[in-house]
Amino acid sequence: MKITKDTTLAKIIGDEKIREVLVKYRLPCLTCPFAESEMENLKIGEICKMYGINLKSLLRDINGVYKN
């Protein structure tokens, strides 16, 4: 599965390896109690824009998790 800016947090949050990448980028939604109820609507691109996270780098690292 290719992760894009339109992928919701709900689709990837359960994958432990991807979660490690999200932690590395300090994605605030991982510890936000309000985000839990909104994960179906939170898109990676929107989260990066809101918090100043480099989307291109994040997607590269997430999509690189299962390459090889």
PDB file of N, CA and C in Angstrom:
ATOM      1  N   MET A   1       0.843  -1.176   0.000  1.00  0.00           N
ATOM      2  CA  MET A   1       0.000   0.000   0.000  1.00  0.00           C
ATOM      3  C   MET A   1       0.893   1.246   0.000  1.00  0.00           C
ATOM      4  N   LYS A   2       0.654   2.148  -0.908  1.00  0.00           N
ATOM      5  CA  LYS A   2       1.408   3.402  -0.975  1.00  0.00           C
ATOM      6  C   LYS A   2       0.693   4.446  -0.116  1.00  0.00           C
ATOM      7  N   ILE A   3       1.440   5.070   0.755  1.00  0.00           N
ATOM      8  CA  ILE A   3       0.913   6.113   1.629  1.00  0.00           C
ATOM      9  C   ILE A   3       1.098   7.447   0.917  1.00  0.00           C
ATOM     10  N   THR A   4       0.031   8.251   0.861  1.00  0.00           N
ATOM     11  CA  THR A   4       0.070   9.559   0.203  1.00  0.00           C
ATOM     12  C   THR A   4      -0.399  10.631   1.185  1.00  0.00           C
ATOM     13  N   LYS A   5      -0.395  11.864   0.729  1.00  0.00           N
ATOM     14  CA  LYS A   5      -0.841  12.975   1.569  1.00  0.00           C
ATOM     15  C   LYS A   5      -2.316  12.838   1.944  1.00  0.00           C
ATOM     16  N   ASP A   6      -3.055  12.048   1.172  1.00  0.00           N
ATOM     17  CA  ASP A   6      -4.482  11.870   1.428  1.00  0.00           C
ATOM     18  C   ASP A   6      -4.804  10.638   2.273  1.00  0.00           C
ATOM     19  N   THR A   7      -3.796   9.885   2.671  1.00  0.00           N
ATOM     20  CA  THR A   7      -4.006   8.723   3.537  1.00  0.00           C
ATOM     21  C   THR A   7      -4.385   9.207   4.928  1.00  0.00           C
ATOM     22  N   THR A   8      -5.398   8.591   5.503  1.00  0.00           N
ATOM     23  CA  THR A   8      -5.817   8.996   6.848  1.00  0.00           C
ATOM     24  C   THR A   8      -4.940   8.332   7.897  1.00  0.00           C
ATOM     25  N   LEU A   9      -4.843   8.976   9.000  1.00  0.00           N
ATOM     26  CA  LEU A   9      -4.062   8.457  10.119  1.00  0.00           C
ATOM     27  C   LEU A   9      -4.620   7.108  10.576  1.00  0.00           C
ATOM     28  N   ALA A  10      -5.919   6.938  10.502  1.00  0.00           N
ATOM     29  CA  ALA A  10      -6.556   5.688  10.934  1.00  0.00           C
ATOM     30  C   ALA A  10      -6.055   4.487  10.136  1.00  0.00           C
ATOM     31  N   LYS A  11      -5.715   4.692   8.872  1.00  0.00           N
ATOM     32  CA  LYS A  11      -5.277   3.580   8.023  1.00  0.00           C
ATOM     33  C   LYS A  11      -3.877   3.091   8.354  1.00  0.00           C
ATOM     34  N   ILE A  12      -3.069   3.928   8.978  1.00  0.00           N
ATOM     35  CA  ILE A  12      -1.671   3.547   9.195  1.00  0.00           C
ATOM     36  C   ILE A  12      -1.254   3.471  10.659  1.00  0.00           C
ATOM     37  N   ILE A  13      -2.049   4.003  11.547  1.00  0.00           N
ATOM     38  CA  ILE A  13      -1.649   4.115  12.951  1.00  0.00           C
ATOM     39  C   ILE A  13      -1.419   2.760  13.614  1.00  0.00           C
ATOM     40  N   GLY A  14      -2.074   1.722  13.145  1.00  0.00           N
ATOM     41  CA  GLY A  14      -1.926   0.408  13.757  1.00  0.00           C
ATOM     42  C   GLY A  14      -0.675  -0.347  13.356  1.00  0.00           C
ATOM     43  N   ASP A  15       0.032   0.144  12.347  1.00  0.00           N
ATOM     44  CA  ASP A  15       1.253  -0.513  11.876  1.00  0.00           C
ATOM     45  C   ASP A  15       2.425  -0.035  12.736  1.00  0.00           C
ATOM     46  N   GLU A  16       3.009  -0.946  13.474  1.00  0.00           N
ATOM     47  CA  GLU A  16       4.054  -0.586  14.445  1.00  0.00           C
ATOM     48  C   GLU A  16       5.262   0.080  13.788  1.00  0.00           C
ATOM     49  N   LYS A  17       5.686  -0.395  12.624  1.00  0.00           N
ATOM     50  CA  LYS A  17       6.858   0.185  11.953  1.00  0.00           C
ATOM     51  C   LYS A  17       6.560   1.600  11.464  1.00  0.00           C
ATOM     52  N   ILE A  18       5.371   1.804  10.946  1.00  0.00           N
ATOM     53  CA  ILE A  18       4.990   3.150  10.495  1.00  0.00           C
ATOM     54  C   ILE A  18       4.820   4.071  11.697  1.00  0.00           C
ATOM     55  N   ARG A  19       4.282   3.548  12.757  1.00  0.00           N
ATOM     56  CA  ARG A  19       4.120   4.350  13.982  1.00  0.00           C
ATOM     57  C   ARG A  19       5.477   4.856  14.477  1.00  0.00           C
ATOM     58  N   GLU A  20       6.506   4.025  14.371  1.00  0.00           N
ATOM     59  CA  GLU A  20       7.855   4.444  14.769  1.00  0.00           C
ATOM     60  C   GLU A  20       8.316   5.649  13.947  1.00  0.00           C
ATOM     61  N   VAL A  21       7.996   5.651  12.661  1.00  0.00           N
ATOM     62  CA  VAL A  21       8.356   6.797  11.806  1.00  0.00           C
ATOM     63  C   VAL A  21       7.581   8.035  12.256  1.00  0.00           C
ATOM     64  N   LEU A  22       6.305   7.870  12.543  1.00  0.00           N
ATOM     65  CA  LEU A  22       5.486   9.000  12.993  1.00  0.00           C
ATOM     66  C   LEU A  22       6.015   9.577  14.307  1.00  0.00           C
ATOM     67  N   VAL A  23       6.466   8.719  15.184  1.00  0.00           N
ATOM     68  CA  VAL A  23       7.058   9.168  16.455  1.00  0.00           C
ATOM     69  C   VAL A  23       8.341   9.943  16.178  1.00  0.00           C
ATOM     70  N   LYS A  24       9.146   9.443  15.254  1.00  0.00           N
ATOM     71  CA  LYS A  24      10.401  10.109  14.887  1.00  0.00           C
ATOM     72  C   LYS A  24      10.135  11.549  14.411  1.00  0.00           C
ATOM     73  N   TYR A  25       9.029  11.734  13.705  1.00  0.00           N
ATOM     74  CA  TYR A  25       8.672  13.064  13.211  1.00  0.00           C
ATOM     75  C   TYR A  25       7.865  13.870  14.233  1.00  0.00           C
ATOM     76  N   ARG A  26       7.691  13.301  15.400  1.00  0.00           N
ATOM     77  CA  ARG A  26       6.976  13.968  16.503  1.00  0.00           C
ATOM     78  C   ARG A  26       5.561  14.403  16.106  1.00  0.00           C
ATOM     79  N   LEU A  27       4.868  13.517  15.459  1.00  0.00           N
ATOM     80  CA  LEU A  27       3.495  13.792  15.061  1.00  0.00           C
ATOM     81  C   LEU A  27       2.637  13.956  16.318  1.00  0.00           C
ATOM     82  N   PRO A  28       2.132  15.151  16.587  1.00  0.00           N
ATOM     83  CA  PRO A  28       1.423  15.399  17.842  1.00  0.00           C
ATOM     84  C   PRO A  28       0.124  14.610  17.984  1.00  0.00           C
ATOM     85  N   CYS A  29      -0.439  14.177  16.894  1.00  0.00           N
ATOM     86  CA  CYS A  29      -1.719  13.451  16.935  1.00  0.00           C
ATOM     87  C   CYS A  29      -1.614  12.103  17.644  1.00  0.00           C
ATOM     88  N   LEU A  30      -0.417  11.589  17.779  1.00  0.00           N
ATOM     89  CA  LEU A  30      -0.239  10.286  18.400  1.00  0.00           C
ATOM     90  C   LEU A  30      -0.564  10.306  19.884  1.00  0.00           C
ATOM     91  N   THR A  31      -0.437  11.462  20.503  1.00  0.00           N
ATOM     92  CA  THR A  31      -0.694  11.569  21.943  1.00  0.00           C
ATOM     93  C   THR A  31      -1.886  12.460  22.266  1.00  0.00           C
ATOM     94  N   CYS A  32      -2.559  12.924  21.252  1.00  0.00           N
ATOM     95  CA  CYS A  32      -3.690  13.842  21.451  1.00  0.00           C
ATOM     96  C   CYS A  32      -4.990  13.054  21.642  1.00  0.00           C
ATOM     97  N   PRO A  33      -5.663  13.257  22.775  1.00  0.00           N
ATOM     98  CA  PRO A  33      -6.904  12.532  23.006  1.00  0.00           C
ATOM     99  C   PRO A  33      -8.003  12.895  21.999  1.00  0.00           C
ATOM    100  N   PHE A  34      -7.981  14.100  21.486  1.00  0.00           N
ATOM    101  CA  PHE A  34      -8.989  14.516  20.515  1.00  0.00           C
ATOM    102  C   PHE A  34      -8.767  13.844  19.160  1.00  0.00           C
ATOM    103  N   ALA A  35      -7.521  13.569  18.834  1.00  0.00           N
ATOM    104  CA  ALA A  35      -7.191  12.946  17.554  1.00  0.00           C
ATOM    105  C   ALA A  35      -7.760  11.538  17.457  1.00  0.00           C
ATOM    106  N   GLU A  36      -7.865  10.851  18.581  1.00  0.00           N
ATOM    107  CA  GLU A  36      -8.407   9.491  18.568  1.00  0.00           C
ATOM    108  C   GLU A  36      -9.777   9.437  17.926  1.00  0.00           C
ATOM    109  N   SER A  37     -10.604  10.410  18.198  1.00  0.00           N
ATOM    110  CA  SER A  37     -11.954  10.418  17.637  1.00  0.00           C
ATOM    111  C   SER A  37     -11.988  10.955  16.213  1.00  0.00           C
ATOM    112  N   GLU A  38     -10.904  11.562  15.767  1.00  0.00           N
ATOM    113  CA  GLU A  38     -10.857  12.174  14.440  1.00  0.00           C
ATOM    114  C   GLU A  38      -9.959  11.441  13.446  1.00  0.00           C
ATOM    115  N   MET A  39      -9.354  10.331  13.833  1.00  0.00           N
ATOM    116  CA  MET A  39      -8.358   9.660  12.989  1.00  0.00           C
ATOM    117  C   MET A  39      -8.883   9.276  11.608  1.00  0.00           C
ATOM    118  N   GLU A  40     -10.161   9.002  11.501  1.00  0.00           N
ATOM    119  CA  GLU A  40     -10.744   8.642  10.207  1.00  0.00           C
ATOM    120  C   GLU A  40     -10.723   9.825   9.243  1.00  0.00           C
ATOM    121  N   ASN A  41     -10.663  11.035   9.773  1.00  0.00           N
ATOM    122  CA  ASN A  41     -10.698  12.246   8.950  1.00  0.00           C
ATOM    123  C   ASN A  41      -9.354  12.952   8.830  1.00  0.00           C
ATOM    124  N   LEU A  42      -8.402  12.617   9.689  1.00  0.00           N
ATOM    125  CA  LEU A  42      -7.103  13.291   9.682  1.00  0.00           C
ATOM    126  C   LEU A  42      -6.216  12.734   8.577  1.00  0.00           C
ATOM    127  N   LYS A  43      -5.951  13.552   7.574  1.00  0.00           N
ATOM    128  CA  LYS A  43      -5.086  13.144   6.469  1.00  0.00           C
ATOM    129  C   LYS A  43      -3.649  13.561   6.763  1.00  0.00           C
ATOM    130  N   ILE A  44      -2.721  12.723   6.363  1.00  0.00           N
ATOM    131  CA  ILE A  44      -1.305  12.973   6.626  1.00  0.00           C
ATOM    132  C   ILE A  44      -0.879  14.352   6.124  1.00  0.00           C
ATOM    133  N   GLY A  45      -1.290  14.706   4.920  1.00  0.00           N
ATOM    134  CA  GLY A  45      -0.917  16.008   4.357  1.00  0.00           C
ATOM    135  C   GLY A  45      -1.411  17.175   5.183  1.00  0.00           C
ATOM    136  N   GLU A  46      -2.635  17.074   5.679  1.00  0.00           N
ATOM    137  CA  GLU A  46      -3.208  18.146   6.494  1.00  0.00           C
ATOM    138  C   GLU A  46      -2.489  18.265   7.837  1.00  0.00           C
ATOM    139  N   ILE A  47      -2.167  17.122   8.414  1.00  0.00           N
ATOM    140  CA  ILE A  47      -1.455  17.128   9.699  1.00  0.00           C
ATOM    141  C   ILE A  47      -0.094  17.790   9.537  1.00  0.00           C
ATOM    142  N   CYS A  48       0.624  17.427   8.483  1.00  0.00           N
ATOM    143  CA  CYS A  48       1.945  18.012   8.242  1.00  0.00           C
ATOM    144  C   CYS A  48       1.855  19.518   8.053  1.00  0.00           C
ATOM    145  N   LYS A  49       0.854  19.952   7.327  1.00  0.00           N
ATOM    146  CA  LYS A  49       0.677  21.393   7.081  1.00  0.00           C
ATOM    147  C   LYS A  49       0.379  22.132   8.394  1.00  0.00           C
ATOM    148  N   MET A  50      -0.478  21.549   9.213  1.00  0.00           N
ATOM    149  CA  MET A  50      -0.854  22.189  10.486  1.00  0.00           C
ATOM    150  C   MET A  50       0.316  22.330  11.442  1.00  0.00           C
ATOM    151  N   TYR A  51       1.220  21.338  11.432  1.00  0.00           N
ATOM    152  CA  TYR A  51       2.284  21.310  12.431  1.00  0.00           C
ATOM    153  C   TYR A  51       3.673  21.562  11.863  1.00  0.00           C
ATOM    154  N   GLY A  52       3.758  21.957  10.594  1.00  0.00           N
ATOM    155  CA  GLY A  52       5.048  22.298  10.003  1.00  0.00           C
ATOM    156  C   GLY A  52       5.981  21.111   9.841  1.00  0.00           C
ATOM    157  N   ILE A  53       5.416  19.939   9.588  1.00  0.00           N
ATOM    158  CA  ILE A  53       6.216  18.730   9.382  1.00  0.00           C
ATOM    159  C   ILE A  53       6.478  18.578   7.890  1.00  0.00           C
ATOM    160  N   ASN A  54       7.695  18.214   7.534  1.00  0.00           N
ATOM    161  CA  ASN A  54       8.069  18.059   6.131  1.00  0.00           C
ATOM    162  C   ASN A  54       7.359  16.841   5.540  1.00  0.00           C
ATOM    163  N   LEU A  55       6.323  17.087   4.752  1.00  0.00           N
ATOM    164  CA  LEU A  55       5.497  16.018   4.183  1.00  0.00           C
ATOM    165  C   LEU A  55       6.290  15.095   3.267  1.00  0.00           C
ATOM    166  N   LYS A  56       7.103  15.672   2.426  1.00  0.00           N
ATOM    167  CA  LYS A  56       7.872  14.871   1.471  1.00  0.00           C
ATOM    168  C   LYS A  56       8.794  13.878   2.186  1.00  0.00           C
ATOM    169  N   SER A  57       9.483  14.346   3.208  1.00  0.00           N
ATOM    170  CA  SER A  57      10.381  13.478   3.973  1.00  0.00           C
ATOM    171  C   SER A  57       9.610  12.409   4.734  1.00  0.00           C
ATOM    172  N   LEU A  58       8.501  12.811   5.339  1.00  0.00           N
ATOM    173  CA  LEU A  58       7.691  11.863   6.099  1.00  0.00           C
ATOM    174  C   LEU A  58       7.180  10.747   5.186  1.00  0.00           C
ATOM    175  N   LEU A  59       6.632  11.113   4.035  1.00  0.00           N
ATOM    176  CA  LEU A  59       6.120  10.104   3.104  1.00  0.00           C
ATOM    177  C   LEU A  59       7.236   9.201   2.589  1.00  0.00           C
ATOM    178  N   ARG A  60       8.396   9.781   2.331  1.00  0.00           N
ATOM    179  CA  ARG A  60       9.539   8.974   1.882  1.00  0.00           C
ATOM    180  C   ARG A  60       9.898   7.927   2.931  1.00  0.00           C
ATOM    181  N   ASP A  61       9.950   8.351   4.179  1.00  0.00           N
ATOM    182  CA  ASP A  61      10.322   7.431   5.254  1.00  0.00           C
ATOM    183  C   ASP A  61       9.240   6.380   5.511  1.00  0.00           C
ATOM    184  N   ILE A  62       7.984   6.796   5.486  1.00  0.00           N
ATOM    185  CA  ILE A  62       6.894   5.846   5.704  1.00  0.00           C
ATOM    186  C   ILE A  62       6.864   4.805   4.581  1.00  0.00           C
ATOM    187  N   ASN A  63       6.931   5.269   3.350  1.00  0.00           N
ATOM    188  CA  ASN A  63       6.862   4.351   2.213  1.00  0.00           C
ATOM    189  C   ASN A  63       8.116   3.509   2.089  1.00  0.00           C
ATOM    190  N   GLY A  64       9.201   3.937   2.715  1.00  0.00           N
ATOM    191  CA  GLY A  64      10.439   3.173   2.685  1.00  0.00           C
ATOM    192  C   GLY A  64      10.492   2.052   3.725  1.00  0.00           C
ATOM    193  N   VAL A  65       9.542   2.032   4.636  1.00  0.00           N
ATOM    194  CA  VAL A  65       9.523   1.042   5.702  1.00  0.00           C
ATOM    195  C   VAL A  65       9.518  -0.383   5.162  1.00  0.00           C
ATOM    196  N   TYR A  66       8.742  -0.649   4.126  1.00  0.00           N
ATOM    197  CA  TYR A  66       8.601  -2.010   3.633  1.00  0.00           C
ATOM    198  C   TYR A  66       9.275  -2.256   2.292  1.00  0.00           C
ATOM    199  N   LYS A  67      10.111  -1.326   1.858  1.00  0.00           N
ATOM    200  CA  LYS A  67      10.852  -1.532   0.610  1.00  0.00           C
ATOM    201  C   LYS A  67      11.977  -2.510   0.854  1.00  0.00           C
ATOM    202  N   ASN A  68      12.420  -3.155  -0.191  1.00  0.00           N
ATOM    203  CA  ASN A  68      13.521  -4.135  -0.192  1.00  0.00           C
ATOM    204  C   ASN A  68      13.011  -5.494  -0.517  1.00  0.00           C
TER     205      ASN A  68
END
